[in-house]
Amino acid sequence: SKRTLAVLVGLFIVLCTAGYLKLDLKTSLYDLNNPPQDLLTEAAALSK
């Protein structure tokens, strides 16, 4: 029915709006690679 369709369209708009308000742009070197934590720990210790 048109009423059901209107509800579905409304839900679509609400969901998209709520999601976009919380959507952050994440740009980091870790988007490319996330090295093992033990290697990072030892590298930091050796640097000191």
ModelCIF file with pLDDT and N, C-alpha, C, O atoms, coordinates in Angstrom:
data_MODEL
#
_entry.id   MODEL 
#
_entity.id                         1 
_entity.type                       polymer 
_entity.pdbx_number_of_molecules   1 
#
_entity_poly.entity_id                      1 
_entity_poly.type                           'polypeptide(L)' 
_entity_poly.nstd_linkage                   no 
_entity_poly.nstd_monomer                   no 
_entity_poly.pdbx_seq_one_letter_code       SKRTLAVLVGLFIVLCTAGYLKLDLKTSLYDLNNPPQDLLTEAAALSK 
_entity_poly.pdbx_seq_one_letter_code_can   SKRTLAVLVGLFIVLCTAGYLKLDLKTSLYDLNNPPQDLLTEAAALSK 
_entity_poly.pdbx_strand_id                 A 
#
loop_
_entity_poly_seq.entity_id 
_entity_poly_seq.num 
_entity_poly_seq.mon_id 
_entity_poly_seq.hetero 
1 1  SER n 
1 2  LYS n 
1 3  ARG n 
1 4  THR n 
1 5  LEU n 
1 6  ALA n 
1 7  VAL n 
1 8  LEU n 
1 9  VAL n 
1 10 GLY n 
1 11 LEU n 
1 12 PHE n 
1 13 ILE n 
1 14 VAL n 
1 15 LEU n 
1 16 CYS n 
1 17 THR n 
1 18 ALA n 
1 19 GLY n 
1 20 TYR n 
1 21 LEU n 
1 22 LYS n 
1 23 LEU n 
1 24 ASP n 
1 25 LEU n 
1 26 LYS n 
1 27 THR n 
1 28 SER n 
1 29 LEU n 
1 30 TYR n 
1 31 ASP n 
1 32 LEU n 
1 33 ASN n 
1 34 ASN n 
1 35 PRO n 
1 36 PRO n 
1 37 GLN n 
1 38 ASP n 
1 39 LEU n 
1 40 LEU n 
1 41 THR n 
1 42 GLU n 
1 43 ALA n 
1 44 ALA n 
1 45 ALA n 
1 46 LEU n 
1 47 SER n 
1 48 LYS n 
#
_struct_asym.id          A 
_struct_asym.entity_id   1 
#
loop_
_ma_qa_metric.id 
_ma_qa_metric.mode 
_ma_qa_metric.name 
_ma_qa_metric.software_group_id 
_ma_qa_metric.type 
1 global pLDDT . pLDDT 
2 local  pLDDT . pLDDT 
#
_ma_qa_metric_global.metric_id      1 
_ma_qa_metric_global.metric_value   83.31 
_ma_qa_metric_global.model_id       1 
_ma_qa_metric_global.ordinal_id     1 
#
loop_
_ma_qa_metric_local.label_asym_id 
_ma_qa_metric_local.label_comp_id 
_ma_qa_metric_local.label_seq_id 
_ma_qa_metric_local.metric_id 
_ma_qa_metric_local.metric_value 
_ma_qa_metric_local.model_id 
_ma_qa_metric_local.ordinal_id 
A SER 1  2 84.00 1 1  
A LYS 2  2 86.00 1 2  
A ARG 3  2 89.00 1 3  
A THR 4  2 88.00 1 4  
A LEU 5  2 88.00 1 5  
A ALA 6  2 91.00 1 6  
A VAL 7  2 91.00 1 7  
A LEU 8  2 90.00 1 8  
A VAL 9  2 91.00 1 9  
A GLY 10 2 93.00 1 10 
A LEU 11 2 93.00 1 11 
A PHE 12 2 92.00 1 12 
A ILE 13 2 93.00 1 13 
A VAL 14 2 93.00 1 14 
A LEU 15 2 92.00 1 15 
A CYS 16 2 91.00 1 16 
A THR 17 2 92.00 1 17 
A ALA 18 2 92.00 1 18 
A GLY 19 2 90.00 1 19 
A TYR 20 2 89.00 1 20 
A LEU 21 2 90.00 1 21 
A LYS 22 2 88.00 1 22 
A LEU 23 2 84.00 1 23 
A ASP 24 2 82.00 1 24 
A LEU 25 2 77.00 1 25 
A LYS 26 2 76.00 1 26 
A THR 27 2 72.00 1 27 
A SER 28 2 69.00 1 28 
A LEU 29 2 63.00 1 29 
A TYR 30 2 63.00 1 30 
A ASP 31 2 62.00 1 31 
A LEU 32 2 62.00 1 32 
A ASN 33 2 64.00 1 33 
A ASN 34 2 69.00 1 34 
A PRO 35 2 74.00 1 35 
A PRO 36 2 79.00 1 36 
A GLN 37 2 82.00 1 37 
A ASP 38 2 86.00 1 38 
A LEU 39 2 85.00 1 39 
A LEU 40 2 83.00 1 40 
A THR 41 2 87.00 1 41 
A GLU 42 2 88.00 1 42 
A ALA 43 2 85.00 1 43 
A ALA 44 2 83.00 1 44 
A ALA 45 2 87.00 1 45 
A LEU 46 2 85.00 1 46 
A SER 47 2 83.00 1 47 
A LYS 48 2 83.00 1 48 
#
loop_
_atom_site.group_PDB 
_atom_site.id 
_atom_site.type_symbol 
_atom_site.label_atom_id 
_atom_site.label_alt_id 
_atom_site.label_comp_id 
_atom_site.label_asym_id 
_atom_site.label_entity_id 
_atom_site.label_seq_id 
_atom_site.pdbx_PDB_ins_code 
_atom_site.Cartn_x 
_atom_site.Cartn_y 
_atom_site.Cartn_z 
_atom_site.occupancy 
_atom_site.B_iso_or_equiv 
_atom_site.pdbx_formal_charge 
_atom_site.auth_seq_id 
_atom_site.auth_comp_id 
_atom_site.auth_asym_id 
_atom_site.auth_atom_id 
_atom_site.pdbx_PDB_model_num 
ATOM 1   N N  . SER A 1 1  ? 0.837  -1.202 0.000  1.00 84.00 ? 1  SER A N  1 
ATOM 2   C CA . SER A 1 1  ? 0.000  0.000  0.000  1.00 84.00 ? 1  SER A CA 1 
ATOM 3   C C  . SER A 1 1  ? 0.867  1.245  0.000  1.00 84.00 ? 1  SER A C  1 
ATOM 4   O O  . SER A 1 1  ? 2.049  1.196  0.340  1.00 84.00 ? 1  SER A O  1 
ATOM 5   N N  . LYS A 1 2  ? 0.270  2.353  -0.383 1.00 86.00 ? 2  LYS A N  1 
ATOM 6   C CA . LYS A 1 2  ? 0.994  3.617  -0.420 1.00 86.00 ? 2  LYS A CA 1 
ATOM 7   C C  . LYS A 1 2  ? 1.464  4.020  0.975  1.00 86.00 ? 2  LYS A C  1 
ATOM 8   O O  . LYS A 1 2  ? 2.538  4.601  1.134  1.00 86.00 ? 2  LYS A O  1 
ATOM 9   N N  . ARG A 1 3  ? 0.646  3.705  1.991  1.00 89.00 ? 3  ARG A N  1 
ATOM 10  C CA . ARG A 1 3  ? 1.041  4.035  3.364  1.00 89.00 ? 3  ARG A CA 1 
ATOM 11  C C  . ARG A 1 3  ? 2.288  3.249  3.763  1.00 89.00 ? 3  ARG A C  1 
ATOM 12  O O  . ARG A 1 3  ? 3.225  3.800  4.340  1.00 89.00 ? 3  ARG A O  1 
ATOM 13  N N  . THR A 1 4  ? 2.284  1.953  3.446  1.00 88.00 ? 4  THR A N  1 
ATOM 14  C CA . THR A 1 4  ? 3.446  1.111  3.765  1.00 88.00 ? 4  THR A CA 1 
ATOM 15  C C  . THR A 1 4  ? 4.677  1.601  3.009  1.00 88.00 ? 4  THR A C  1 
ATOM 16  O O  . THR A 1 4  ? 5.775  1.665  3.563  1.00 88.00 ? 4  THR A O  1 
ATOM 17  N N  . LEU A 1 5  ? 4.482  1.943  1.744  1.00 88.00 ? 5  LEU A N  1 
ATOM 18  C CA . LEU A 1 5  ? 5.598  2.438  0.940  1.00 88.00 ? 5  LEU A CA 1 
ATOM 19  C C  . LEU A 1 5  ? 6.146  3.742  1.523  1.00 88.00 ? 5  LEU A C  1 
ATOM 20  O O  . LEU A 1 5  ? 7.358  3.954  1.546  1.00 88.00 ? 5  LEU A O  1 
ATOM 21  N N  . ALA A 1 6  ? 5.255  4.609  1.992  1.00 91.00 ? 6  ALA A N  1 
ATOM 22  C CA . ALA A 1 6  ? 5.691  5.872  2.595  1.00 91.00 ? 6  ALA A CA 1 
ATOM 23  C C  . ALA A 1 6  ? 6.491  5.624  3.873  1.00 91.00 ? 6  ALA A C  1 
ATOM 24  O O  . ALA A 1 6  ? 7.481  6.305  4.144  1.00 91.00 ? 6  ALA A O  1 
ATOM 25  N N  . VAL A 1 7  ? 6.041  4.627  4.659  1.00 91.00 ? 7  VAL A N  1 
ATOM 26  C CA . VAL A 1 7  ? 6.774  4.271  5.886  1.00 91.00 ? 7  VAL A CA 1 
ATOM 27  C C  . VAL A 1 7  ? 8.166  3.755  5.549  1.00 91.00 ? 7  VAL A C  1 
ATOM 28  O O  . VAL A 1 7  ? 9.146  4.106  6.207  1.00 91.00 ? 7  VAL A O  1 
ATOM 29  N N  . LEU A 1 8  ? 8.244  2.907  4.504  1.00 90.00 ? 8  LEU A N  1 
ATOM 30  C CA . LEU A 1 8  ? 9.539  2.348  4.097  1.00 90.00 ? 8  LEU A CA 1 
ATOM 31  C C  . LEU A 1 8  ? 10.479 3.453  3.605  1.00 90.00 ? 8  LEU A C  1 
ATOM 32  O O  . LEU A 1 8  ? 11.667 3.458  3.928  1.00 90.00 ? 8  LEU A O  1 
ATOM 33  N N  . VAL A 1 9  ? 9.934  4.383  2.822  1.00 91.00 ? 9  VAL A N  1 
ATOM 34  C CA . VAL A 1 9  ? 10.759 5.497  2.350  1.00 91.00 ? 9  VAL A CA 1 
ATOM 35  C C  . VAL A 1 9  ? 11.217 6.358  3.527  1.00 91.00 ? 9  VAL A C  1 
ATOM 36  O O  . VAL A 1 9  ? 12.361 6.811  3.564  1.00 91.00 ? 9  VAL A O  1 
ATOM 37  N N  . GLY A 1 10 ? 10.321 6.580  4.485  1.00 93.00 ? 10 GLY A N  1 
ATOM 38  C CA . GLY A 1 10 ? 10.684 7.354  5.670  1.00 93.00 ? 10 GLY A CA 1 
ATOM 39  C C  . GLY A 1 10 ? 11.782 6.683  6.474  1.00 93.00 ? 10 GLY A C  1 
ATOM 40  O O  . GLY A 1 10 ? 12.715 7.340  6.935  1.00 93.00 ? 10 GLY A O  1 
ATOM 41  N N  . LEU A 1 11 ? 11.666 5.354  6.644  1.00 93.00 ? 11 LEU A N  1 
ATOM 42  C CA . LEU A 1 11 ? 12.702 4.607  7.361  1.00 93.00 ? 11 LEU A CA 1 
ATOM 43  C C  . LEU A 1 11 ? 14.039 4.693  6.639  1.00 93.00 ? 11 LEU A C  1 
ATOM 44  O O  . LEU A 1 11 ? 15.092 4.816  7.266  1.00 93.00 ? 11 LEU A O  1 
ATOM 45  N N  . PHE A 1 12 ? 13.984 4.626  5.319  1.00 92.00 ? 12 PHE A N  1 
ATOM 46  C CA . PHE A 1 12 ? 15.210 4.735  4.515  1.00 92.00 ? 12 PHE A CA 1 
ATOM 47  C C  . PHE A 1 12 ? 15.879 6.088  4.750  1.00 92.00 ? 12 PHE A C  1 
ATOM 48  O O  . PHE A 1 12 ? 17.092 6.162  4.947  1.00 92.00 ? 12 PHE A O  1 
ATOM 49  N N  . ILE A 1 13 ? 15.091 7.143  4.729  1.00 93.00 ? 13 ILE A N  1 
ATOM 50  C CA . ILE A 1 13 ? 15.637 8.492  4.921  1.00 93.00 ? 13 ILE A CA 1 
ATOM 51  C C  . ILE A 1 13 ? 16.198 8.658  6.331  1.00 93.00 ? 13 ILE A C  1 
ATOM 52  O O  . ILE A 1 13 ? 17.282 9.213  6.512  1.00 93.00 ? 13 ILE A O  1 
ATOM 53  N N  . VAL A 1 14 ? 15.455 8.175  7.328  1.00 93.00 ? 14 VAL A N  1 
ATOM 54  C CA . VAL A 1 14 ? 15.912 8.290  8.720  1.00 93.00 ? 14 VAL A CA 1 
ATOM 55  C C  . VAL A 1 14 ? 17.206 7.511  8.930  1.00 93.00 ? 14 VAL A C  1 
ATOM 56  O O  . VAL A 1 14 ? 18.141 8.006  9.559  1.00 93.00 ? 14 VAL A O  1 
ATOM 57  N N  . LEU A 1 15 ? 17.256 6.284  8.399  1.00 92.00 ? 15 LEU A N  1 
ATOM 58  C CA . LEU A 1 15 ? 18.446 5.445  8.567  1.00 92.00 ? 15 LEU A CA 1 
ATOM 59  C C  . LEU A 1 15 ? 19.655 6.088  7.902  1.00 92.00 ? 15 LEU A C  1 
ATOM 60  O O  . LEU A 1 15 ? 20.735 6.139  8.490  1.00 92.00 ? 15 LEU A O  1 
ATOM 61  N N  . CYS A 1 16 ? 19.478 6.577  6.684  1.00 91.00 ? 16 CYS A N  1 
ATOM 62  C CA . CYS A 1 16 ? 20.591 7.210  5.972  1.00 91.00 ? 16 CYS A CA 1 
ATOM 63  C C  . CYS A 1 16 ? 21.055 8.472  6.701  1.00 91.00 ? 16 CYS A C  1 
ATOM 64  O O  . CYS A 1 16 ? 22.255 8.709  6.839  1.00 91.00 ? 16 CYS A O  1 
ATOM 65  N N  . THR A 1 17 ? 20.092 9.287  7.171  1.00 92.00 ? 17 THR A N  1 
ATOM 66  C CA . THR A 1 17 ? 20.445 10.523 7.871  1.00 92.00 ? 17 THR A CA 1 
ATOM 67  C C  . THR A 1 17 ? 21.211 10.233 9.158  1.00 92.00 ? 17 THR A C  1 
ATOM 68  O O  . THR A 1 17 ? 22.230 10.864 9.441  1.00 92.00 ? 17 THR A O  1 
ATOM 69  N N  . ALA A 1 18 ? 20.704 9.259  9.943  1.00 92.00 ? 18 ALA A N  1 
ATOM 70  C CA . ALA A 1 18 ? 21.371 8.907  11.204 1.00 92.00 ? 18 ALA A CA 1 
ATOM 71  C C  . ALA A 1 18 ? 22.771 8.368  10.952 1.00 92.00 ? 18 ALA A C  1 
ATOM 72  O O  . ALA A 1 18 ? 23.707 8.681  11.689 1.00 92.00 ? 18 ALA A O  1 
ATOM 73  N N  . GLY A 1 19 ? 22.911 7.554  9.903  1.00 90.00 ? 19 GLY A N  1 
ATOM 74  C CA . GLY A 1 19 ? 24.219 6.988  9.589  1.00 90.00 ? 19 GLY A CA 1 
ATOM 75  C C  . GLY A 1 19 ? 25.204 8.033  9.109  1.00 90.00 ? 19 GLY A C  1 
ATOM 76  O O  . GLY A 1 19 ? 26.370 8.020  9.503  1.00 90.00 ? 19 GLY A O  1 
ATOM 77  N N  . TYR A 1 20 ? 24.739 8.944  8.253  1.00 89.00 ? 20 TYR A N  1 
ATOM 78  C CA . TYR A 1 20 ? 25.642 9.956  7.712  1.00 89.00 ? 20 TYR A CA 1 
ATOM 79  C C  . TYR A 1 20 ? 26.100 10.941 8.776  1.00 89.00 ? 20 TYR A C  1 
ATOM 80  O O  . TYR A 1 20 ? 27.216 11.455 8.702  1.00 89.00 ? 20 TYR A O  1 
ATOM 81  N N  . LEU A 1 21 ? 25.258 11.211 9.763  1.00 90.00 ? 21 LEU A N  1 
ATOM 82  C CA . LEU A 1 21 ? 25.655 12.113 10.845 1.00 90.00 ? 21 LEU A CA 1 
ATOM 83  C C  . LEU A 1 21 ? 26.784 11.523 11.681 1.00 90.00 ? 21 LEU A C  1 
ATOM 84  O O  . LEU A 1 21 ? 27.564 12.264 12.281 1.00 90.00 ? 21 LEU A O  1 
ATOM 85  N N  . LYS A 1 22 ? 26.878 10.203 11.727 1.00 88.00 ? 22 LYS A N  1 
ATOM 86  C CA . LYS A 1 22 ? 27.922 9.527  12.505 1.00 88.00 ? 22 LYS A CA 1 
ATOM 87  C C  . LYS A 1 22 ? 29.085 9.058  11.639 1.00 88.00 ? 22 LYS A C  1 
ATOM 88  O O  . LYS A 1 22 ? 30.027 8.439  12.134 1.00 88.00 ? 22 LYS A O  1 
ATOM 89  N N  . LEU A 1 23 ? 29.014 9.355  10.348 1.00 84.00 ? 23 LEU A N  1 
ATOM 90  C CA . LEU A 1 23 ? 30.024 8.867  9.419  1.00 84.00 ? 23 LEU A CA 1 
ATOM 91  C C  . LEU A 1 23 ? 31.251 9.778  9.449  1.00 84.00 ? 23 LEU A C  1 
ATOM 92  O O  . LEU A 1 23 ? 31.190 10.931 9.022  1.00 84.00 ? 23 LEU A O  1 
ATOM 93  N N  . ASP A 1 24 ? 32.348 9.256  9.950  1.00 82.00 ? 24 ASP A N  1 
ATOM 94  C CA . ASP A 1 24 ? 33.605 10.002 10.002 1.00 82.00 ? 24 ASP A CA 1 
ATOM 95  C C  . ASP A 1 24 ? 34.534 9.530  8.894  1.00 82.00 ? 24 ASP A C  1 
ATOM 96  O O  . ASP A 1 24 ? 34.534 8.361  8.508  1.00 82.00 ? 24 ASP A O  1 
ATOM 97  N N  . LEU A 1 25 ? 35.318 10.466 8.400  1.00 77.00 ? 25 LEU A N  1 
ATOM 98  C CA . LEU A 1 25 ? 36.323 10.120 7.399  1.00 77.00 ? 25 LEU A CA 1 
ATOM 99  C C  . LEU A 1 25 ? 37.573 9.636  8.123  1.00 77.00 ? 25 LEU A C  1 
ATOM 100 O O  . LEU A 1 25 ? 38.149 10.367 8.928  1.00 77.00 ? 25 LEU A O  1 
ATOM 101 N N  . LYS A 1 26 ? 37.988 8.417  7.842  1.00 76.00 ? 26 LYS A N  1 
ATOM 102 C CA . LYS A 1 26 ? 39.146 7.829  8.511  1.00 76.00 ? 26 LYS A CA 1 
ATOM 103 C C  . LYS A 1 26 ? 40.244 7.600  7.478  1.00 76.00 ? 26 LYS A C  1 
ATOM 104 O O  . LYS A 1 26 ? 40.121 6.754  6.592  1.00 76.00 ? 26 LYS A O  1 
ATOM 105 N N  . THR A 1 27 ? 41.315 8.369  7.610  1.00 72.00 ? 27 THR A N  1 
ATOM 106 C CA . THR A 1 27 ? 42.453 8.247  6.698  1.00 72.00 ? 27 THR A CA 1 
ATOM 107 C C  . THR A 1 27 ? 43.707 8.134  7.540  1.00 72.00 ? 27 THR A C  1 
ATOM 108 O O  . THR A 1 27 ? 44.102 9.085  8.214  1.00 72.00 ? 27 THR A O  1 
ATOM 109 N N  . SER A 1 28 ? 44.318 6.993  7.500  1.00 69.00 ? 28 SER A N  1 
ATOM 110 C CA . SER A 1 28 ? 45.487 6.738  8.338  1.00 69.00 ? 28 SER A CA 1 
ATOM 111 C C  . SER A 1 28 ? 46.384 5.733  7.644  1.00 69.00 ? 28 SER A C  1 
ATOM 112 O O  . SER A 1 28 ? 45.949 4.949  6.801  1.00 69.00 ? 28 SER A O  1 
ATOM 113 N N  . LEU A 1 29 ? 47.663 5.784  8.031  1.00 63.00 ? 29 LEU A N  1 
ATOM 114 C CA . LEU A 1 29 ? 48.609 4.796  7.531  1.00 63.00 ? 29 LEU A CA 1 
ATOM 115 C C  . LEU A 1 29 ? 48.168 3.388  7.893  1.00 63.00 ? 29 LEU A C  1 
ATOM 116 O O  . LEU A 1 29 ? 48.465 2.436  7.172  1.00 63.00 ? 29 LEU A O  1 
ATOM 117 N N  . TYR A 1 30 ? 47.453 3.253  9.020  1.00 63.00 ? 30 TYR A N  1 
ATOM 118 C CA . TYR A 1 30 ? 47.006 1.934  9.452  1.00 63.00 ? 30 TYR A CA 1 
ATOM 119 C C  . TYR A 1 30 ? 45.877 1.390  8.584  1.00 63.00 ? 30 TYR A C  1 
ATOM 120 O O  . TYR A 1 30 ? 45.487 0.231  8.721  1.00 63.00 ? 30 TYR A O  1 
ATOM 121 N N  . ASP A 1 31 ? 45.333 2.258  7.658  1.00 62.00 ? 31 ASP A N  1 
ATOM 122 C CA . ASP A 1 31 ? 44.394 1.737  6.674  1.00 62.00 ? 31 ASP A CA 1 
ATOM 123 C C  . ASP A 1 31 ? 45.104 0.830  5.679  1.00 62.00 ? 31 ASP A C  1 
ATOM 124 O O  . ASP A 1 31 ? 44.480 -0.008 5.028  1.00 62.00 ? 31 ASP A O  1 
ATOM 125 N N  . LEU A 1 32 ? 46.429 1.009  5.570  1.00 62.00 ? 32 LEU A N  1 
ATOM 126 C CA . LEU A 1 32 ? 47.202 0.188  4.645  1.00 62.00 ? 32 LEU A CA 1 
ATOM 127 C C  . LEU A 1 32 ? 47.724 -1.075 5.311  1.00 62.00 ? 32 LEU A C  1 
ATOM 128 O O  . LEU A 1 32 ? 47.713 -2.155 4.719  1.00 62.00 ? 32 LEU A O  1 
ATOM 129 N N  . ASN A 1 33 ? 48.173 -0.930 6.526  1.00 64.00 ? 33 ASN A N  1 
ATOM 130 C CA . ASN A 1 33 ? 48.807 -2.067 7.172  1.00 64.00 ? 33 ASN A CA 1 
ATOM 131 C C  . ASN A 1 33 ? 48.731 -1.910 8.680  1.00 64.00 ? 33 ASN A C  1 
ATOM 132 O O  . ASN A 1 33 ? 48.825 -0.801 9.206  1.00 64.00 ? 33 ASN A O  1 
ATOM 133 N N  . ASN A 1 34 ? 48.562 -3.019 9.363  1.00 69.00 ? 34 ASN A N  1 
ATOM 134 C CA . ASN A 1 34 ? 48.530 -3.016 10.820 1.00 69.00 ? 34 ASN A CA 1 
ATOM 135 C C  . ASN A 1 34 ? 49.515 -4.075 11.307 1.00 69.00 ? 34 ASN A C  1 
ATOM 136 O O  . ASN A 1 34 ? 49.144 -5.237 11.474 1.00 69.00 ? 34 ASN A O  1 
ATOM 137 N N  . PRO A 1 35 ? 50.773 -3.677 11.535 1.00 74.00 ? 35 PRO A N  1 
ATOM 138 C CA . PRO A 1 35 ? 51.809 -4.666 11.874 1.00 74.00 ? 35 PRO A CA 1 
ATOM 139 C C  . PRO A 1 35 ? 51.480 -5.387 13.177 1.00 74.00 ? 35 PRO A C  1 
ATOM 140 O O  . PRO A 1 35 ? 50.731 -4.864 14.003 1.00 74.00 ? 35 PRO A O  1 
ATOM 141 N N  . PRO A 1 36 ? 52.035 -6.587 13.368 1.00 79.00 ? 36 PRO A N  1 
ATOM 142 C CA . PRO A 1 36 ? 51.832 -7.310 14.628 1.00 79.00 ? 36 PRO A CA 1 
ATOM 143 C C  . PRO A 1 36 ? 52.280 -6.483 15.824 1.00 79.00 ? 36 PRO A C  1 
ATOM 144 O O  . PRO A 1 36 ? 53.309 -5.809 15.771 1.00 79.00 ? 36 PRO A O  1 
ATOM 145 N N  . GLN A 1 37 ? 51.513 -6.537 16.892 1.00 82.00 ? 37 GLN A N  1 
ATOM 146 C CA . GLN A 1 37 ? 51.784 -5.709 18.062 1.00 82.00 ? 37 GLN A CA 1 
ATOM 147 C C  . GLN A 1 37 ? 53.126 -6.058 18.696 1.00 82.00 ? 37 GLN A C  1 
ATOM 148 O O  . GLN A 1 37 ? 53.815 -5.171 19.201 1.00 82.00 ? 37 GLN A O  1 
ATOM 149 N N  . ASP A 1 38 ? 53.508 -7.329 18.680 1.00 86.00 ? 38 ASP A N  1 
ATOM 150 C CA . ASP A 1 38 ? 54.784 -7.697 19.305 1.00 86.00 ? 38 ASP A CA 1 
ATOM 151 C C  . ASP A 1 38 ? 55.969 -7.085 18.562 1.00 86.00 ? 38 ASP A C  1 
ATOM 152 O O  . ASP A 1 38 ? 56.968 -6.723 19.184 1.00 86.00 ? 38 ASP A O  1 
ATOM 153 N N  . LEU A 1 39 ? 55.867 -6.964 17.230 1.00 85.00 ? 39 LEU A N  1 
ATOM 154 C CA . LEU A 1 39 ? 56.941 -6.320 16.476 1.00 85.00 ? 39 LEU A CA 1 
ATOM 155 C C  . LEU A 1 39 ? 57.007 -4.831 16.797 1.00 85.00 ? 39 LEU A C  1 
ATOM 156 O O  . LEU A 1 39 ? 58.096 -4.271 16.929 1.00 85.00 ? 39 LEU A O  1 
ATOM 157 N N  . LEU A 1 40 ? 55.858 -4.194 16.922 1.00 83.00 ? 40 LEU A N  1 
ATOM 158 C CA . LEU A 1 40 ? 55.836 -2.775 17.272 1.00 83.00 ? 40 LEU A CA 1 
ATOM 159 C C  . LEU A 1 40 ? 56.420 -2.539 18.660 1.00 83.00 ? 40 LEU A C  1 
ATOM 160 O O  . LEU A 1 40 ? 57.153 -1.576 18.882 1.00 83.00 ? 40 LEU A O  1 
ATOM 161 N N  . THR A 1 41 ? 56.088 -3.429 19.590 1.00 87.00 ? 41 THR A N  1 
ATOM 162 C CA . THR A 1 41 ? 56.590 -3.302 20.959 1.00 87.00 ? 41 THR A CA 1 
ATOM 163 C C  . THR A 1 41 ? 58.107 -3.422 20.997 1.00 87.00 ? 41 THR A C  1 
ATOM 164 O O  . THR A 1 41 ? 58.781 -2.628 21.653 1.00 87.00 ? 41 THR A O  1 
ATOM 165 N N  . GLU A 1 42 ? 58.646 -4.418 20.292 1.00 88.00 ? 42 GLU A N  1 
ATOM 166 C CA . GLU A 1 42 ? 60.093 -4.621 20.292 1.00 88.00 ? 42 GLU A CA 1 
ATOM 167 C C  . GLU A 1 42 ? 60.804 -3.492 19.554 1.00 88.00 ? 42 GLU A C  1 
ATOM 168 O O  . GLU A 1 42 ? 61.900 -3.090 19.946 1.00 88.00 ? 42 GLU A O  1 
ATOM 169 N N  . ALA A 1 43 ? 60.194 -2.978 18.493 1.00 85.00 ? 43 ALA A N  1 
ATOM 170 C CA . ALA A 1 43 ? 60.806 -1.860 17.773 1.00 85.00 ? 43 ALA A CA 1 
ATOM 171 C C  . ALA A 1 43 ? 60.905 -0.629 18.668 1.00 85.00 ? 43 ALA A C  1 
ATOM 172 O O  . ALA A 1 43 ? 61.919 0.068  18.660 1.00 85.00 ? 43 ALA A O  1 
ATOM 173 N N  . ALA A 1 44 ? 59.842 -0.361 19.446 1.00 83.00 ? 44 ALA A N  1 
ATOM 174 C CA . ALA A 1 44 ? 59.858 0.775  20.364 1.00 83.00 ? 44 ALA A CA 1 
ATOM 175 C C  . ALA A 1 44 ? 60.905 0.582  21.459 1.00 83.00 ? 44 ALA A C  1 
ATOM 176 O O  . ALA A 1 44 ? 61.609 1.523  21.825 1.00 83.00 ? 44 ALA A O  1 
ATOM 177 N N  . ALA A 1 45 ? 61.005 -0.640 21.977 1.00 87.00 ? 45 ALA A N  1 
ATOM 178 C CA . ALA A 1 45 ? 61.988 -0.922 23.029 1.00 87.00 ? 45 ALA A CA 1 
ATOM 179 C C  . ALA A 1 45 ? 63.411 -0.773 22.501 1.00 87.00 ? 45 ALA A C  1 
ATOM 180 O O  . ALA A 1 45 ? 64.270 -0.210 23.181 1.00 87.00 ? 45 ALA A O  1 
ATOM 181 N N  . LEU A 1 46 ? 63.666 -1.276 21.289 1.00 85.00 ? 46 LEU A N  1 
ATOM 182 C CA . LEU A 1 46 ? 65.006 -1.176 20.714 1.00 85.00 ? 46 LEU A CA 1 
ATOM 183 C C  . LEU A 1 46 ? 65.373 0.274  20.413 1.00 85.00 ? 46 LEU A C  1 
ATOM 184 O O  . LEU A 1 46 ? 66.529 0.670  20.563 1.00 85.00 ? 46 LEU A O  1 
ATOM 185 N N  . SER A 1 47 ? 64.390 1.062  19.990 1.00 83.00 ? 47 SER A N  1 
ATOM 186 C CA . SER A 1 47 ? 64.648 2.464  19.713 1.00 83.00 ? 47 SER A CA 1 
ATOM 187 C C  . SER A 1 47 ? 65.091 3.198  20.973 1.00 83.00 ? 47 SER A C  1 
ATOM 188 O O  . SER A 1 47 ? 65.949 4.079  20.911 1.00 83.00 ? 47 SER A O  1 
ATOM 189 N N  . LYS A 1 48 ? 64.508 2.838  22.120 1.00 83.00 ? 48 LYS A N  1 
ATOM 190 C CA . LYS A 1 48 ? 64.904 3.461  23.377 1.00 83.00 ? 48 LYS A CA 1 
ATOM 191 C C  . LYS A 1 48 ? 66.305 3.009  23.792 1.00 83.00 ? 48 LYS A C  1 
ATOM 192 O O  . LYS A 1 48 ? 66.807 3.433  24.833 1.00 83.00 ? 48 LYS A O  1 
#
